[in-house]
Amino acid sequence: MSIMKEEVRMDVREAVEKARHCVAEFFAGEDISHVGVEEVVYDDAKSVWKVTIGFFRSWNRLDGLPASMYCAWDERSYKVVLIDDPSGDVGSMIHCTFTNMGIKAD
């Protein structure tokens, strides 16, 4: 059964902004950088947004070098932020890994 458009309360931009804010707040003391949205999925059955955010932590960076020289996917951290659509609440943040088949939650 698919969800009708008017039943979704947040649009994709709102879900992404909420996920980015959640990651930024949670990792505020870790000097993360190059934060970016990797994937956004809406789960119709659960009314949940799944937003994957990728970033570098300070220990994965080589300060002074351009990002293109250290952007190996295996050094990047990925988190999937689950956001309840009806309430707008962040339910959880899950670590995930990148494989040649895409991003998967651990």
C-alpha atoms as a PDB file:
ATOM      1  CA  MET A   1       0.000   0.000   0.000  1.00  0.00           C
ATOM      2  CA  SER A   2       1.546   3.303  -0.965  1.00  0.00           C
ATOM      3  CA  ILE A   3       1.218   6.439   1.076  1.00  0.00           C
ATOM      4  CA  MET A   4      -0.635   9.376  -0.400  1.00  0.00           C
ATOM      5  CA  LYS A   5       1.396  12.558  -0.859  1.00  0.00           C
ATOM      6  CA  GLU A   6      -0.719  14.632   1.533  1.00  0.00           C
ATOM      7  CA  GLU A   7      -0.083  12.151   4.379  1.00  0.00           C
ATOM      8  CA  VAL A   8       3.665  12.883   4.410  1.00  0.00           C
ATOM      9  CA  ARG A   9       4.233  15.791   6.781  1.00  0.00           C
ATOM     10  CA  MET A  10       7.884  16.612   6.083  1.00  0.00           C
ATOM     11  CA  ASP A  11       9.324  17.124   2.668  1.00  0.00           C
ATOM     12  CA  VAL A  12      12.755  15.802   1.755  1.00  0.00           C
ATOM     13  CA  ARG A  13      14.457  19.153   2.439  1.00  0.00           C
ATOM     14  CA  GLU A  14      13.085  19.267   5.988  1.00  0.00           C
ATOM     15  CA  ALA A  15      14.174  15.684   6.661  1.00  0.00           C
ATOM     16  CA  VAL A  16      17.694  16.397   5.356  1.00  0.00           C
ATOM     17  CA  GLU A  17      18.015  19.590   7.410  1.00  0.00           C
ATOM     18  CA  LYS A  18      16.882  17.788  10.569  1.00  0.00           C
ATOM     19  CA  ALA A  19      19.371  14.949   9.946  1.00  0.00           C
ATOM     20  CA  ARG A  20      22.265  17.364   9.265  1.00  0.00           C
ATOM     21  CA  HIS A  21      21.431  19.290  12.453  1.00  0.00           C
ATOM     22  CA  CYS A  22      21.307  16.053  14.464  1.00  0.00           C
ATOM     23  CA  VAL A  23      24.740  14.921  13.222  1.00  0.00           C
ATOM     24  CA  ALA A  24      26.261  18.387  13.718  1.00  0.00           C
ATOM     25  CA  GLU A  25      24.982  18.567  17.321  1.00  0.00           C
ATOM     26  CA  PHE A  26      25.931  15.013  18.234  1.00  0.00           C
ATOM     27  CA  PHE A  27      29.479  15.307  16.872  1.00  0.00           C
ATOM     28  CA  ALA A  28      30.029  18.973  17.793  1.00  0.00           C
ATOM     29  CA  GLY A  29      33.088  18.228  19.925  1.00  0.00           C
ATOM     30  CA  GLU A  30      34.794  16.055  17.312  1.00  0.00           C
ATOM     31  CA  ASP A  31      35.657  18.673  14.682  1.00  0.00           C
ATOM     32  CA  ILE A  32      33.877  16.908  11.804  1.00  0.00           C
ATOM     33  CA  SER A  33      34.183  18.322   8.293  1.00  0.00           C
ATOM     34  CA  HIS A  34      33.028  17.815   4.707  1.00  0.00           C
ATOM     35  CA  VAL A  35      29.536  16.920   5.927  1.00  0.00           C
ATOM     36  CA  GLY A  36      27.293  15.829   3.097  1.00  0.00           C
ATOM     37  CA  VAL A  37      24.037  14.056   2.357  1.00  0.00           C
ATOM     38  CA  GLU A  38      24.685  10.649   0.820  1.00  0.00           C
ATOM     39  CA  GLU A  39      21.201   9.152   0.518  1.00  0.00           C
ATOM     40  CA  VAL A  40      17.573   9.866   1.454  1.00  0.00           C
ATOM     41  CA  VAL A  41      14.850   7.215   1.590  1.00  0.00           C
ATOM     42  CA  TYR A  42      11.259   7.481   2.772  1.00  0.00           C
ATOM     43  CA  ASP A  43       9.863   4.246   4.258  1.00  0.00           C
ATOM     44  CA  ASP A  44       6.135   4.267   3.464  1.00  0.00           C
ATOM     45  CA  ALA A  45       5.333   1.329   5.720  1.00  0.00           C
ATOM     46  CA  LYS A  46       6.907   2.913   8.820  1.00  0.00           C
ATOM     47  CA  SER A  47       6.423   6.618   7.973  1.00  0.00           C
ATOM     48  CA  VAL A  48      10.129   7.149   8.613  1.00  0.00           C
ATOM     49  CA  TRP A  49      12.757   9.161   6.753  1.00  0.00           C
ATOM     50  CA  LYS A  50      16.174   7.466   6.507  1.00  0.00           C
ATOM     51  CA  VAL A  51      18.813  10.098   5.800  1.00  0.00           C
ATOM     52  CA  THR A  52      22.450   9.035   5.367  1.00  0.00           C
ATOM     53  CA  ILE A  53      25.016  11.698   6.229  1.00  0.00           C
ATOM     54  CA  GLY A  54      28.726  11.277   5.501  1.00  0.00           C
ATOM     55  CA  PHE A  55      31.597  13.222   7.045  1.00  0.00           C
ATOM     56  CA  PHE A  56      35.255  13.142   8.007  1.00  0.00           C
ATOM     57  CA  ARG A  57      36.386  13.069  11.620  1.00  0.00           C
ATOM     58  CA  SER A  58      39.525  14.946  12.602  1.00  0.00           C
ATOM     59  CA  TRP A  59      41.591  11.757  12.842  1.00  0.00           C
ATOM     60  CA  ASN A  60      40.664  10.825   9.242  1.00  0.00           C
ATOM     61  CA  ARG A  61      41.949  14.096   7.783  1.00  0.00           C
ATOM     62  CA  LEU A  62      45.360  15.157   6.663  1.00  0.00           C
ATOM     63  CA  ASP A  63      45.221  18.840   7.531  1.00  0.00           C
ATOM     64  CA  GLY A  64      46.617  21.150   4.902  1.00  0.00           C
ATOM     65  CA  LEU A  65      45.832  18.839   1.986  1.00  0.00           C
ATOM     66  CA  PRO A  66      42.882  19.383  -0.345  1.00  0.00           C
ATOM     67  CA  ALA A  67      39.901  17.109   0.274  1.00  0.00           C
ATOM     68  CA  SER A  68      40.410  15.412  -3.091  1.00  0.00           C
ATOM     69  CA  MET A  69      43.640  13.903  -1.800  1.00  0.00           C
ATOM     70  CA  TYR A  70      42.060  12.117   1.165  1.00  0.00           C
ATOM     71  CA  CYS A  71      38.471  11.426   0.143  1.00  0.00           C
ATOM     72  CA  ALA A  72      38.754   7.655   0.243  1.00  0.00           C
ATOM     73  CA  TRP A  73      35.329   6.255   1.100  1.00  0.00           C
ATOM     74  CA  ASP A  74      36.797   3.911   3.722  1.00  0.00           C
ATOM     75  CA  GLU A  75      38.010   6.874   5.794  1.00  0.00           C
ATOM     76  CA  ARG A  76      34.644   8.623   5.777  1.00  0.00           C
ATOM     77  CA  SER A  77      32.075   8.107   8.552  1.00  0.00           C
ATOM     78  CA  TYR A  78      28.452   7.438   7.599  1.00  0.00           C
ATOM     79  CA  LYS A  79      25.399   7.726   9.822  1.00  0.00           C
ATOM     80  CA  VAL A  80      21.782   6.931   8.960  1.00  0.00           C
ATOM     81  CA  VAL A  81      19.428   9.235  10.850  1.00  0.00           C
ATOM     82  CA  LEU A  82      15.905   7.858  11.276  1.00  0.00           C
ATOM     83  CA  ILE A  83      13.241  10.543  11.552  1.00  0.00           C
ATOM     84  CA  ASP A  84       9.605   9.823  12.399  1.00  0.00           C
ATOM     85  CA  ASP A  85       7.547  11.679   9.799  1.00  0.00           C
ATOM     86  CA  PRO A  86       4.351  12.293  11.798  1.00  0.00           C
ATOM     87  CA  SER A  87       6.151  13.737  14.848  1.00  0.00           C
ATOM     88  CA  GLY A  88       9.367  15.002  13.242  1.00  0.00           C
ATOM     89  CA  ASP A  89      11.370  13.403  16.054  1.00  0.00           C
ATOM     90  CA  VAL A  90      14.764  11.822  15.460  1.00  0.00           C
ATOM     91  CA  GLY A  91      14.393   8.239  16.604  1.00  0.00           C
ATOM     92  CA  SER A  92      17.928   6.989  16.156  1.00  0.00           C
ATOM     93  CA  MET A  93      21.249   7.398  14.418  1.00  0.00           C
ATOM     94  CA  ILE A  94      22.880   4.232  13.058  1.00  0.00           C
ATOM     95  CA  HIS A  95      26.489   3.706  11.948  1.00  0.00           C
ATOM     96  CA  CYS A  96      26.764   2.305   8.454  1.00  0.00           C
ATOM     97  CA  THR A  97      29.485   1.261   6.056  1.00  0.00           C
ATOM     98  CA  PHE A  98      30.046   1.818   2.374  1.00  0.00           C
ATOM     99  CA  THR A  99      30.464  -1.146   0.048  1.00  0.00           C
ATOM    100  CA  ASN A 100      30.643  -1.431  -3.708  1.00  0.00           C
ATOM    101  CA  MET A 101      26.900  -2.186  -3.570  1.00  0.00           C
ATOM    102  CA  GLY A 102      26.089   1.053  -1.750  1.00  0.00           C
ATOM    103  CA  ILE A 103      25.629   2.073   1.866  1.00  0.00           C
ATOM    104  CA  LYS A 104      24.369  -0.449   4.427  1.00  0.00           C
ATOM    105  CA  ALA A 105      23.553  -0.112   8.104  1.00  0.00           C
ATOM    106  CA  ASP A 106      25.815  -2.123  10.416  1.00  0.00           C
END
